[in-house]
Amino acid sequence: MTAEIETDDAGARAAGPRALARQRRRRSAVRFWKQYRTHRSGLVGLIALALFVLLALTAPLTVGSEVSGVTGAPGEPLESPSGEFPLGTDRFGRDLLGLLVWGSRVSLLVGLLAAALSVAIGTLVGITAGHFKGAYATVVMRITDWFLVMPTLVLAIALATVLSRSLGTVVLAIGVTSWPTTARLVRAQTLAVESRPYIERAKALGGGHRHIMARHVLPNVMPLVLAQTTLMISSSILAEATLAFLGLGDPTVVSWGGLLQDAREAGAVSSGNWWYLVPPGIAIAVVALAFTLCGRAVESVLNPRLGVAR
């Protein structure tokens, strides 16, 4: 095995530095997957996510966009589950199974985009605060502390109330209110990285601030950022469902939180129409749990000292 690796490295070096870098990235990916698949909970979460993503991607073929139309609904309002409608119908007579599948597209998309925005802001703030220090770091971290002590959901509700009701507003409301945790973690990692000798050598050789942060600090904090992203997605999906349930989502699209809000308005709780409430709630819980399991497994692989249980 060692001889094969040395042969591959020799061939990659002969082909050039880019080929050598690709070879090392492929080897790192293979090593990561070998360690990740030893975490049974992480594999369960990954399989569950793959199924939901497959449902979301194939929704236009399996259920079609017309499933969300109120006019021409195929059933009667609030029909209980049957052979024709496995999950029953909503208050307009629409097939709840089709709505559940179609709503996965919005819920997953908003969760991914909001988590990406949140982690991007937190990474930028954390790296710059850890690199520049001084007055800039003091001011930035005090702002971060203010966001930390304020309830994230309350801030998101306030922002979603002020802006127009759309998916972009929901993504923005979640993203700009949930970054402080990432900023704190990335700043701590940045301070640890910048204390290493090779950072001093890079500065002595004339490396500027942008070079230090982009070429030396960012690659070293990326494992933490990746793990934090997977964990943030589950929180973002729950936040989107909460905003939609409170009537602050986009009323023109179907999401799992929007289905719960429709069920509340239809009086599903008091009338005992459990099929209107249970499937969207279970879908939200399963996806959030799956992302959490994947995030914990990624965290354990990238930082084995955490000792995350398998």
C-alpha atoms as a PDB file:
ATOM      1  CA  MET A   1       0.000   0.000   0.000  1.00  0.00           C
ATOM      2  CA  THR A   2       2.828   2.381   0.872  1.00  0.00           C
ATOM      3  CA  ALA A   3       4.558   1.567  -2.410  1.00  0.00           C
ATOM      4  CA  GLU A   4       1.345   2.331  -4.328  1.00  0.00           C
ATOM      5  CA  ILE A   5       0.975   5.696  -2.583  1.00  0.00           C
ATOM      6  CA  GLU A   6       4.592   6.579  -3.317  1.00  0.00           C
ATOM      7  CA  THR A   7       4.093   5.581  -6.969  1.00  0.00           C
ATOM      8  CA  ASP A   8       0.966   7.748  -7.226  1.00  0.00           C
ATOM      9  CA  ASP A   9       2.770  10.683  -5.622  1.00  0.00           C
ATOM     10  CA  ALA A  10       5.694  10.292  -8.014  1.00  0.00           C
ATOM     11  CA  GLY A  11       3.351  10.243 -10.995  1.00  0.00           C
ATOM     12  CA  ALA A  12       1.441  13.270  -9.718  1.00  0.00           C
ATOM     13  CA  ARG A  13       4.670  15.206  -9.116  1.00  0.00           C
ATOM     14  CA  ALA A  14       5.757  14.400 -12.640  1.00  0.00           C
ATOM     15  CA  ALA A  15       2.443  15.697 -13.981  1.00  0.00           C
ATOM     16  CA  GLY A  16       2.721  18.957 -12.034  1.00  0.00           C
ATOM     17  CA  PRO A  17       1.695  20.600  -8.756  1.00  0.00           C
ATOM     18  CA  ARG A  18      -1.991  20.760  -9.705  1.00  0.00           C
ATOM     19  CA  ALA A  19      -2.132  17.026 -10.321  1.00  0.00           C
ATOM     20  CA  LEU A  20      -0.404  16.457  -6.998  1.00  0.00           C
ATOM     21  CA  ALA A  21      -2.965  18.662  -5.246  1.00  0.00           C
ATOM     22  CA  ARG A  22      -5.843  16.767  -6.893  1.00  0.00           C
ATOM     23  CA  GLN A  23      -4.271  13.482  -5.888  1.00  0.00           C
ATOM     24  CA  ARG A  24      -4.027  14.599  -2.258  1.00  0.00           C
ATOM     25  CA  ARG A  25      -7.610  15.875  -2.243  1.00  0.00           C
ATOM     26  CA  ARG A  26      -8.874  12.566  -3.601  1.00  0.00           C
ATOM     27  CA  ARG A  27      -6.910  10.678  -0.971  1.00  0.00           C
ATOM     28  CA  SER A  28      -8.287  12.952   1.766  1.00  0.00           C
ATOM     29  CA  ALA A  29     -11.832  12.387   0.505  1.00  0.00           C
ATOM     30  CA  VAL A  30     -11.360   8.616   0.514  1.00  0.00           C
ATOM     31  CA  ARG A  31      -9.906   8.731   4.026  1.00  0.00           C
ATOM     32  CA  PHE A  32     -12.780  10.930   5.202  1.00  0.00           C
ATOM     33  CA  TRP A  33     -15.390   8.537   3.796  1.00  0.00           C
ATOM     34  CA  LYS A  34     -13.718   5.502   5.353  1.00  0.00           C
ATOM     35  CA  GLN A  35     -13.846   7.171   8.760  1.00  0.00           C
ATOM     36  CA  TYR A  36     -17.335   8.576   8.268  1.00  0.00           C
ATOM     37  CA  ARG A  37     -18.939   5.238   7.385  1.00  0.00           C
ATOM     38  CA  THR A  38     -17.802   3.789  10.713  1.00  0.00           C
ATOM     39  CA  HIS A  39     -20.379   6.083  12.383  1.00  0.00           C
ATOM     40  CA  ARG A  40     -23.664   4.190  12.166  1.00  0.00           C
ATOM     41  CA  SER A  41     -25.758   7.164  13.213  1.00  0.00           C
ATOM     42  CA  GLY A  42     -24.104   9.310  10.560  1.00  0.00           C
ATOM     43  CA  LEU A  43     -24.880   6.724   7.885  1.00  0.00           C
ATOM     44  CA  VAL A  44     -28.522   6.565   8.982  1.00  0.00           C
ATOM     45  CA  GLY A  45     -28.762  10.341   8.764  1.00  0.00           C
ATOM     46  CA  LEU A  46     -27.076  10.382   5.349  1.00  0.00           C
ATOM     47  CA  ILE A  47     -29.460   7.752   3.961  1.00  0.00           C
ATOM     48  CA  ALA A  48     -32.478   9.661   5.275  1.00  0.00           C
ATOM     49  CA  LEU A  49     -31.198  12.892   3.721  1.00  0.00           C
ATOM     50  CA  ALA A  50     -30.539  11.168   0.404  1.00  0.00           C
ATOM     51  CA  LEU A  51     -34.143   9.935   0.328  1.00  0.00           C
ATOM     52  CA  PHE A  52     -35.557  13.400   1.077  1.00  0.00           C
ATOM     53  CA  VAL A  53     -33.304  15.050  -1.505  1.00  0.00           C
ATOM     54  CA  LEU A  54     -34.366  12.460  -4.074  1.00  0.00           C
ATOM     55  CA  LEU A  55     -38.023  13.167  -3.290  1.00  0.00           C
ATOM     56  CA  ALA A  56     -37.437  16.909  -3.629  1.00  0.00           C
ATOM     57  CA  LEU A  57     -35.572  16.634  -6.924  1.00  0.00           C
ATOM     58  CA  THR A  58     -38.107  14.280  -8.511  1.00  0.00           C
ATOM     59  CA  ALA A  59     -41.175  16.137  -7.191  1.00  0.00           C
ATOM     60  CA  PRO A  60     -41.942  17.808 -10.573  1.00  0.00           C
ATOM     61  CA  LEU A  61     -42.083  14.348 -12.148  1.00  0.00           C
ATOM     62  CA  THR A  62     -43.852  12.451  -9.369  1.00  0.00           C
ATOM     63  CA  VAL A  63     -46.476  14.951  -8.177  1.00  0.00           C
ATOM     64  CA  GLY A  64     -46.192  17.965 -10.488  1.00  0.00           C
ATOM     65  CA  SER A  65     -46.552  21.647  -9.640  1.00  0.00           C
ATOM     66  CA  GLU A  66     -50.327  21.516 -10.101  1.00  0.00           C
ATOM     67  CA  VAL A  67     -50.635  19.686  -6.779  1.00  0.00           C
ATOM     68  CA  SER A  68     -50.443  23.042  -4.986  1.00  0.00           C
ATOM     69  CA  GLY A  69     -53.310  24.580  -6.957  1.00  0.00           C
ATOM     70  CA  VAL A  70     -56.448  25.341  -4.976  1.00  0.00           C
ATOM     71  CA  THR A  71     -58.788  25.293  -7.965  1.00  0.00           C
ATOM     72  CA  GLY A  72     -59.586  21.867  -9.322  1.00  0.00           C
ATOM     73  CA  ALA A  73     -58.512  20.019  -6.172  1.00  0.00           C
ATOM     74  CA  PRO A  74     -59.007  16.261  -6.667  1.00  0.00           C
ATOM     75  CA  GLY A  75     -60.704  15.529  -3.324  1.00  0.00           C
ATOM     76  CA  GLU A  76     -63.139  16.856  -0.789  1.00  0.00           C
ATOM     77  CA  PRO A  77     -61.925  19.102   2.036  1.00  0.00           C
ATOM     78  CA  LEU A  78     -60.381  17.291   5.010  1.00  0.00           C
ATOM     79  CA  GLU A  79     -60.836  13.727   3.768  1.00  0.00           C
ATOM     80  CA  SER A  80     -59.237  11.147   6.041  1.00  0.00           C
ATOM     81  CA  PRO A  81     -56.475   8.866   4.690  1.00  0.00           C
ATOM     82  CA  SER A  82     -57.671   6.370   2.104  1.00  0.00           C
ATOM     83  CA  GLY A  83     -56.430   4.364  -0.845  1.00  0.00           C
ATOM     84  CA  GLU A  84     -56.810   7.337  -3.159  1.00  0.00           C
ATOM     85  CA  PHE A  85     -55.267   9.819  -0.717  1.00  0.00           C
ATOM     86  CA  PRO A  86     -52.794   7.956   1.573  1.00  0.00           C
ATOM     87  CA  LEU A  87     -52.343  11.001   3.830  1.00  0.00           C
ATOM     88  CA  GLY A  88     -55.800  12.489   3.344  1.00  0.00           C
ATOM     89  CA  THR A  89     -56.602  15.940   1.987  1.00  0.00           C
ATOM     90  CA  ASP A  90     -56.233  19.469   3.286  1.00  0.00           C
ATOM     91  CA  ARG A  91     -58.943  22.085   3.800  1.00  0.00           C
ATOM     92  CA  PHE A  92     -59.052  22.754   0.049  1.00  0.00           C
ATOM     93  CA  GLY A  93     -59.227  19.098  -0.979  1.00  0.00           C
ATOM     94  CA  ARG A  94     -55.604  18.869  -2.115  1.00  0.00           C
ATOM     95  CA  ASP A  95     -53.645  15.643  -1.744  1.00  0.00           C
ATOM     96  CA  LEU A  96     -51.519  15.998   1.398  1.00  0.00           C
ATOM     97  CA  LEU A  97     -48.981  13.406   0.245  1.00  0.00           C
ATOM     98  CA  GLY A  98     -48.309  15.419  -2.895  1.00  0.00           C
ATOM     99  CA  LEU A  99     -48.116  18.638  -0.892  1.00  0.00           C
ATOM    100  CA  LEU A 100     -45.686  17.011   1.536  1.00  0.00           C
ATOM    101  CA  VAL A 101     -43.404  15.924  -1.311  1.00  0.00           C
ATOM    102  CA  TRP A 102     -43.632  19.304  -3.044  1.00  0.00           C
ATOM    103  CA  GLY A 103     -43.068  21.187   0.207  1.00  0.00           C
ATOM    104  CA  SER A 104     -39.782  19.373   0.749  1.00  0.00           C
ATOM    105  CA  ARG A 105     -38.287  21.450  -2.072  1.00  0.00           C
ATOM    106  CA  VAL A 106     -38.930  24.752  -0.314  1.00  0.00           C
ATOM    107  CA  SER A 107     -38.035  23.580   3.189  1.00  0.00           C
ATOM    108  CA  LEU A 108     -34.728  22.018   2.135  1.00  0.00           C
ATOM    109  CA  LEU A 109     -33.813  24.927  -0.148  1.00  0.00           C
ATOM    110  CA  VAL A 110     -34.510  27.581   2.485  1.00  0.00           C
ATOM    111  CA  GLY A 111     -32.648  25.554   5.112  1.00  0.00           C
ATOM    112  CA  LEU A 112     -29.571  25.183   2.909  1.00  0.00           C
ATOM    113  CA  LEU A 113     -29.477  28.815   1.777  1.00  0.00           C
ATOM    114  CA  ALA A 114     -30.102  30.224   5.245  1.00  0.00           C
ATOM    115  CA  ALA A 115     -27.419  27.986   6.768  1.00  0.00           C
ATOM    116  CA  ALA A 116     -24.954  28.951   4.018  1.00  0.00           C
ATOM    117  CA  LEU A 117     -25.614  32.662   4.617  1.00  0.00           C
ATOM    118  CA  SER A 118     -25.317  32.279   8.377  1.00  0.00           C
ATOM    119  CA  VAL A 119     -22.068  30.308   8.212  1.00  0.00           C
ATOM    120  CA  ALA A 120     -20.595  32.686   5.607  1.00  0.00           C
ATOM    121  CA  ILE A 121     -21.254  35.715   7.829  1.00  0.00           C
ATOM    122  CA  GLY A 122     -19.990  33.918  10.928  1.00  0.00           C
ATOM    123  CA  THR A 123     -16.826  32.728   9.168  1.00  0.00           C
ATOM    124  CA  LEU A 124     -16.032  36.193   7.818  1.00  0.00           C
ATOM    125  CA  VAL A 125     -16.591  37.846  11.192  1.00  0.00           C
ATOM    126  CA  GLY A 126     -14.692  35.139  13.098  1.00  0.00           C
ATOM    127  CA  ILE A 127     -11.622  35.130  10.847  1.00  0.00           C
ATOM    128  CA  THR A 128     -11.307  38.915  10.648  1.00  0.00           C
ATOM    129  CA  ALA A 129     -11.858  39.353  14.387  1.00  0.00           C
ATOM    130  CA  GLY A 130      -9.259  36.700  15.171  1.00  0.00           C
ATOM    131  CA  HIS A 131      -6.736  38.103  12.687  1.00  0.00           C
ATOM    132  CA  PHE A 132      -6.898  41.856  13.239  1.00  0.00           C
ATOM    133  CA  LYS A 133      -7.575  41.859  16.998  1.00  0.00           C
ATOM    134  CA  GLY A 134      -7.407  45.274  18.706  1.00  0.00           C
ATOM    135  CA  ALA A 135     -10.293  47.752  18.579  1.00  0.00           C
ATOM    136  CA  TYR A 136     -11.864  46.127  15.538  1.00  0.00           C
ATOM    137  CA  ALA A 137     -12.102  42.750  17.251  1.00  0.00           C
ATOM    138  CA  THR A 138     -13.467  44.326  20.420  1.00  0.00           C
ATOM    139  CA  VAL A 139     -16.276  46.138  18.606  1.00  0.00           C
ATOM    140  CA  VAL A 140     -17.159  43.176  16.393  1.00  0.00           C
ATOM    141  CA  MET A 141     -17.250  40.707  19.259  1.00  0.00           C
ATOM    142  CA  ARG A 142     -19.410  43.015  21.391  1.00  0.00           C
ATOM    143  CA  ILE A 143     -21.892  43.113  18.507  1.00  0.00           C
ATOM    144  CA  THR A 144     -21.656  39.329  18.337  1.00  0.00           C
ATOM    145  CA  ASP A 145     -22.346  39.081  22.068  1.00  0.00           C
ATOM    146  CA  TRP A 146     -25.417  41.294  21.634  1.00  0.00           C
ATOM    147  CA  PHE A 147     -26.773  38.950  18.984  1.00  0.00           C
ATOM    148  CA  LEU A 148     -25.986  35.964  21.196  1.00  0.00           C
ATOM    149  CA  VAL A 149     -27.986  37.208  24.176  1.00  0.00           C
ATOM    150  CA  MET A 150     -30.946  38.230  22.022  1.00  0.00           C
ATOM    151  CA  PRO A 151     -33.406  35.418  21.161  1.00  0.00           C
ATOM    152  CA  THR A 152     -32.679  34.442  17.557  1.00  0.00           C
ATOM    153  CA  LEU A 153     -36.284  33.590  16.791  1.00  0.00           C
ATOM    154  CA  VAL A 154     -37.526  36.954  18.076  1.00  0.00           C
ATOM    155  CA  LEU A 155     -35.031  38.802  15.874  1.00  0.00           C
ATOM    156  CA  ALA A 156     -35.985  36.687  12.862  1.00  0.00           C
ATOM    157  CA  ILE A 157     -39.685  37.338  13.461  1.00  0.00           C
ATOM    158  CA  ALA A 158     -39.063  41.081  13.745  1.00  0.00           C
ATOM    159  CA  LEU A 159     -37.055  41.141  10.519  1.00  0.00           C
ATOM    160  CA  ALA A 160     -39.560  38.981   8.643  1.00  0.00           C
ATOM    161  CA  THR A 161     -42.366  41.252   9.811  1.00  0.00           C
ATOM    162  CA  VAL A 162     -40.691  44.425   8.553  1.00  0.00           C
ATOM    163  CA  LEU A 163     -39.721  43.068   5.123  1.00  0.00           C
ATOM    164  CA  SER A 164     -41.992  41.687   2.410  1.00  0.00           C
ATOM    165  CA  ARG A 165     -43.195  38.101   2.731  1.00  0.00           C
ATOM    166  CA  SER A 166     -41.038  36.018   0.412  1.00  0.00           C
ATOM    167  CA  LEU A 167     -38.545  33.156   0.500  1.00  0.00           C
ATOM    168  CA  GLY A 168     -35.693  35.650   0.217  1.00  0.00           C
ATOM    169  CA  THR A 169     -36.935  37.420   3.333  1.00  0.00           C
ATOM    170  CA  VAL A 170     -37.082  34.138   5.254  1.00  0.00           C
ATOM    171  CA  VAL A 171     -33.534  33.226   4.188  1.00  0.00           C
ATOM    172  CA  LEU A 172     -32.279  36.685   5.124  1.00  0.00           C
ATOM    173  CA  ALA A 173     -34.097  36.703   8.463  1.00  0.00           C
ATOM    174  CA  ILE A 174     -32.629  33.361   9.494  1.00  0.00           C
ATOM    175  CA  GLY A 175     -29.155  33.951   8.077  1.00  0.00           C
ATOM    176  CA  VAL A 176     -28.458  37.369   9.606  1.00  0.00           C
ATOM    177  CA  THR A 177     -29.679  36.376  13.070  1.00  0.00           C
ATOM    178  CA  SER A 178     -28.021  32.977  13.561  1.00  0.00           C
ATOM    179  CA  TRP A 179     -24.349  33.643  12.714  1.00  0.00           C
ATOM    180  CA  PRO A 180     -22.905  34.583  16.164  1.00  0.00           C
ATOM    181  CA  THR A 181     -22.244  31.002  17.299  1.00  0.00           C
ATOM    182  CA  THR A 182     -20.255  30.295  14.157  1.00  0.00           C
ATOM    183  CA  ALA A 183     -18.353  33.562  14.577  1.00  0.00           C
ATOM    184  CA  ARG A 184     -17.342  32.664  18.127  1.00  0.00           C
ATOM    185  CA  LEU A 185     -16.138  29.184  17.137  1.00  0.00           C
ATOM    186  CA  VAL A 186     -14.239  30.380  14.067  1.00  0.00           C
ATOM    187  CA  ARG A 187     -12.572  33.221  15.983  1.00  0.00           C
ATOM    188  CA  ALA A 188     -11.319  30.810  18.632  1.00  0.00           C
ATOM    189  CA  GLN A 189      -9.930  28.502  15.935  1.00  0.00           C
ATOM    190  CA  THR A 190      -8.377  31.474  14.107  1.00  0.00           C
ATOM    191  CA  LEU A 191      -6.543  32.585  17.252  1.00  0.00           C
ATOM    192  CA  ALA A 192      -5.177  29.053  17.651  1.00  0.00           C
ATOM    193  CA  VAL A 193      -4.022  28.902  14.026  1.00  0.00           C
ATOM    194  CA  GLU A 194      -2.393  32.338  14.088  1.00  0.00           C
ATOM    195  CA  SER A 195      -0.285  31.357  17.074  1.00  0.00           C
ATOM    196  CA  ARG A 196       1.528  28.715  15.033  1.00  0.00           C
ATOM    197  CA  PRO A 197       5.097  29.303  13.796  1.00  0.00           C
ATOM    198  CA  TYR A 198       4.357  29.051  10.067  1.00  0.00           C
ATOM    199  CA  ILE A 199       2.068  32.089  10.323  1.00  0.00           C
ATOM    200  CA  GLU A 200       4.992  34.102  11.673  1.00  0.00           C
ATOM    201  CA  ARG A 201       7.163  32.833   8.815  1.00  0.00           C
ATOM    202  CA  ALA A 202       4.511  33.832   6.275  1.00  0.00           C
ATOM    203  CA  LYS A 203       4.371  37.335   7.762  1.00  0.00           C
ATOM    204  CA  ALA A 204       8.164  37.592   7.757  1.00  0.00           C
ATOM    205  CA  LEU A 205       8.223  36.647   4.080  1.00  0.00           C
ATOM    206  CA  GLY A 206       5.888  39.534   3.275  1.00  0.00           C
ATOM    207  CA  GLY A 207       2.489  37.849   3.332  1.00  0.00           C
ATOM    208  CA  GLY A 208      -0.293  40.419   3.613  1.00  0.00           C
ATOM    209  CA  HIS A 209      -3.506  40.209   5.593  1.00  0.00           C
ATOM    210  CA  ARG A 210      -5.505  38.780   2.701  1.00  0.00           C
ATOM    211  CA  HIS A 211      -2.833  36.180   1.951  1.00  0.00           C
ATOM    212  CA  ILE A 212      -2.630  35.064   5.584  1.00  0.00           C
ATOM    213  CA  MET A 213      -6.397  34.782   6.021  1.00  0.00           C
ATOM    214  CA  ALA A 214      -7.137  33.166   2.652  1.00  0.00           C
ATOM    215  CA  ARG A 215      -4.157  30.836   2.253  1.00  0.00           C
ATOM    216  CA  HIS A 216      -3.341  29.864   5.828  1.00  0.00           C
ATOM    217  CA  VAL A 217      -6.214  30.556   8.219  1.00  0.00           C
ATOM    218  CA  LEU A 218      -9.245  29.681   6.088  1.00  0.00           C
ATOM    219  CA  PRO A 219      -8.058  26.167   5.061  1.00  0.00           C
ATOM    220  CA  ASN A 220      -7.407  25.356   8.705  1.00  0.00           C
ATOM    221  CA  VAL A 221     -10.837  26.481   9.914  1.00  0.00           C
ATOM    222  CA  MET A 222     -12.753  24.876   7.018  1.00  0.00           C
ATOM    223  CA  PRO A 223     -13.276  21.527   8.836  1.00  0.00           C
ATOM    224  CA  LEU A 224     -14.954  23.423  11.668  1.00  0.00           C
ATOM    225  CA  VAL A 225     -16.992  25.466   9.180  1.00  0.00           C
ATOM    226  CA  LEU A 226     -18.128  22.316   7.368  1.00  0.00           C
ATOM    227  CA  ALA A 227     -19.275  20.654  10.575  1.00  0.00           C
ATOM    228  CA  GLN A 228     -21.016  23.835  11.708  1.00  0.00           C
ATOM    229  CA  THR A 229     -22.815  24.109   8.360  1.00  0.00           C
ATOM    230  CA  THR A 230     -24.364  20.665   8.644  1.00  0.00           C
ATOM    231  CA  LEU A 231     -25.539  21.466  12.155  1.00  0.00           C
ATOM    232  CA  MET A 232     -26.903  24.873  11.133  1.00  0.00           C
ATOM    233  CA  ILE A 233     -29.035  23.414   8.341  1.00  0.00           C
ATOM    234  CA  SER A 234     -31.250  21.579  10.817  1.00  0.00           C
ATOM    235  CA  SER A 235     -31.697  24.748  12.881  1.00  0.00           C
ATOM    236  CA  SER A 236     -32.509  26.731   9.736  1.00  0.00           C
ATOM    237  CA  ILE A 237     -35.156  24.229   8.643  1.00  0.00           C
ATOM    238  CA  LEU A 238     -36.783  24.422  12.067  1.00  0.00           C
ATOM    239  CA  ALA A 239     -36.630  28.233  11.970  1.00  0.00           C
ATOM    240  CA  GLU A 240     -38.234  28.306   8.512  1.00  0.00           C
ATOM    241  CA  ALA A 241     -41.003  26.001   9.681  1.00  0.00           C
ATOM    242  CA  THR A 242     -41.572  28.235  12.724  1.00  0.00           C
ATOM    243  CA  LEU A 243     -41.775  31.417  10.643  1.00  0.00           C
ATOM    244  CA  ALA A 244     -44.123  29.757   8.160  1.00  0.00           C
ATOM    245  CA  PHE A 245     -46.266  28.418  11.020  1.00  0.00           C
ATOM    246  CA  LEU A 246     -46.545  31.950  12.380  1.00  0.00           C
ATOM    247  CA  GLY A 247     -47.720  33.176   8.984  1.00  0.00           C
ATOM    248  CA  LEU A 248     -44.478  35.009   8.135  1.00  0.00           C
ATOM    249  CA  GLY A 249     -43.458  32.802   5.222  1.00  0.00           C
ATOM    250  CA  ASP A 250     -44.213  33.160   1.536  1.00  0.00           C
ATOM    251  CA  PRO A 251     -47.952  32.452   1.110  1.00  0.00           C
ATOM    252  CA  THR A 252     -47.509  31.604  -2.575  1.00  0.00           C
ATOM    253  CA  VAL A 253     -45.357  28.505  -1.992  1.00  0.00           C
ATOM    254  CA  VAL A 254     -45.904  25.213  -0.184  1.00  0.00           C
ATOM    255  CA  SER A 255     -43.600  24.295   2.681  1.00  0.00           C
ATOM    256  CA  TRP A 256     -43.857  21.984   5.668  1.00  0.00           C
ATOM    257  CA  GLY A 257     -44.227  24.907   8.048  1.00  0.00           C
ATOM    258  CA  GLY A 258     -46.870  26.386   5.769  1.00  0.00           C
ATOM    259  CA  LEU A 259     -48.829  23.116   5.900  1.00  0.00           C
ATOM    260  CA  LEU A 260     -48.803  23.265   9.690  1.00  0.00           C
ATOM    261  CA  GLN A 261     -49.998  26.857   9.557  1.00  0.00           C
ATOM    262  CA  ASP A 262     -52.821  25.858   7.198  1.00  0.00           C
ATOM    263  CA  ALA A 263     -53.758  23.043   9.562  1.00  0.00           C
ATOM    264  CA  ARG A 264     -53.907  25.445  12.492  1.00  0.00           C
ATOM    265  CA  GLU A 265     -56.112  27.858  10.573  1.00  0.00           C
ATOM    266  CA  ALA A 266     -58.399  24.991   9.546  1.00  0.00           C
ATOM    267  CA  GLY A 267     -58.840  23.961  13.191  1.00  0.00           C
ATOM    268  CA  ALA A 268     -57.229  20.560  12.676  1.00  0.00           C
ATOM    269  CA  VAL A 269     -56.226  20.321  16.336  1.00  0.00           C
ATOM    270  CA  SER A 270     -59.690  20.870  17.788  1.00  0.00           C
ATOM    271  CA  SER A 271     -61.456  18.820  15.114  1.00  0.00           C
ATOM    272  CA  GLY A 272     -59.099  15.831  15.421  1.00  0.00           C
ATOM    273  CA  ASN A 273     -57.787  15.896  11.847  1.00  0.00           C
ATOM    274  CA  TRP A 274     -54.464  14.358  12.829  1.00  0.00           C
ATOM    275  CA  TRP A 275     -53.436  13.560   9.241  1.00  0.00           C
ATOM    276  CA  TYR A 276     -53.224  17.295   8.571  1.00  0.00           C
ATOM    277  CA  LEU A 277     -50.689  17.873  11.371  1.00  0.00           C
ATOM    278  CA  VAL A 278     -48.658  14.709  11.885  1.00  0.00           C
ATOM    279  CA  PRO A 279     -46.959  14.147   8.458  1.00  0.00           C
ATOM    280  CA  PRO A 280     -45.430  17.649   8.105  1.00  0.00           C
ATOM    281  CA  GLY A 281     -44.334  17.604  11.733  1.00  0.00           C
ATOM    282  CA  ILE A 282     -42.687  14.200  11.349  1.00  0.00           C
ATOM    283  CA  ALA A 283     -40.979  15.299   8.124  1.00  0.00           C
ATOM    284  CA  ILE A 284     -39.501  18.378   9.826  1.00  0.00           C
ATOM    285  CA  ALA A 285     -38.331  16.334  12.813  1.00  0.00           C
ATOM    286  CA  VAL A 286     -36.772  13.574  10.684  1.00  0.00           C
ATOM    287  CA  VAL A 287     -34.868  15.964   8.398  1.00  0.00           C
ATOM    288  CA  ALA A 288     -33.618  18.043  11.338  1.00  0.00           C
ATOM    289  CA  LEU A 289     -32.499  14.873  13.128  1.00  0.00           C
ATOM    290  CA  ALA A 290     -30.822  13.538   9.980  1.00  0.00           C
ATOM    291  CA  PHE A 291     -28.797  16.723   9.492  1.00  0.00           C
ATOM    292  CA  THR A 292     -27.842  16.675  13.170  1.00  0.00           C
ATOM    293  CA  LEU A 293     -26.647  13.062  12.950  1.00  0.00           C
ATOM    294  CA  CYS A 294     -24.601  13.866   9.839  1.00  0.00           C
ATOM    295  CA  GLY A 295     -23.172  16.965  11.484  1.00  0.00           C
ATOM    296  CA  ARG A 296     -22.118  15.078  14.604  1.00  0.00           C
ATOM    297  CA  ALA A 297     -20.468  12.380  12.483  1.00  0.00           C
ATOM    298  CA  VAL A 298     -18.609  14.968  10.382  1.00  0.00           C
ATOM    299  CA  GLU A 299     -17.545  16.752  13.555  1.00  0.00           C
ATOM    300  CA  SER A 300     -16.221  13.528  15.021  1.00  0.00           C
ATOM    301  CA  VAL A 301     -14.289  12.612  11.858  1.00  0.00           C
ATOM    302  CA  LEU A 302     -12.711  16.047  11.430  1.00  0.00           C
ATOM    303  CA  ASN A 303     -11.913  16.426  15.125  1.00  0.00           C
ATOM    304  CA  PRO A 304     -11.594  12.977  16.771  1.00  0.00           C
ATOM    305  CA  ARG A 305     -10.635  14.569  20.103  1.00  0.00           C
ATOM    306  CA  LEU A 306     -14.272  15.587  20.559  1.00  0.00           C
ATOM    307  CA  GLY A 307     -15.096  11.964  21.295  1.00  0.00           C
ATOM    308  CA  VAL A 308     -18.534  12.059  19.676  1.00  0.00           C
ATOM    309  CA  ALA A 309     -20.356   8.780  20.192  1.00  0.00           C
ATOM    310  CA  ARG A 310     -20.956   6.548  17.190  1.00  0.00           C
END
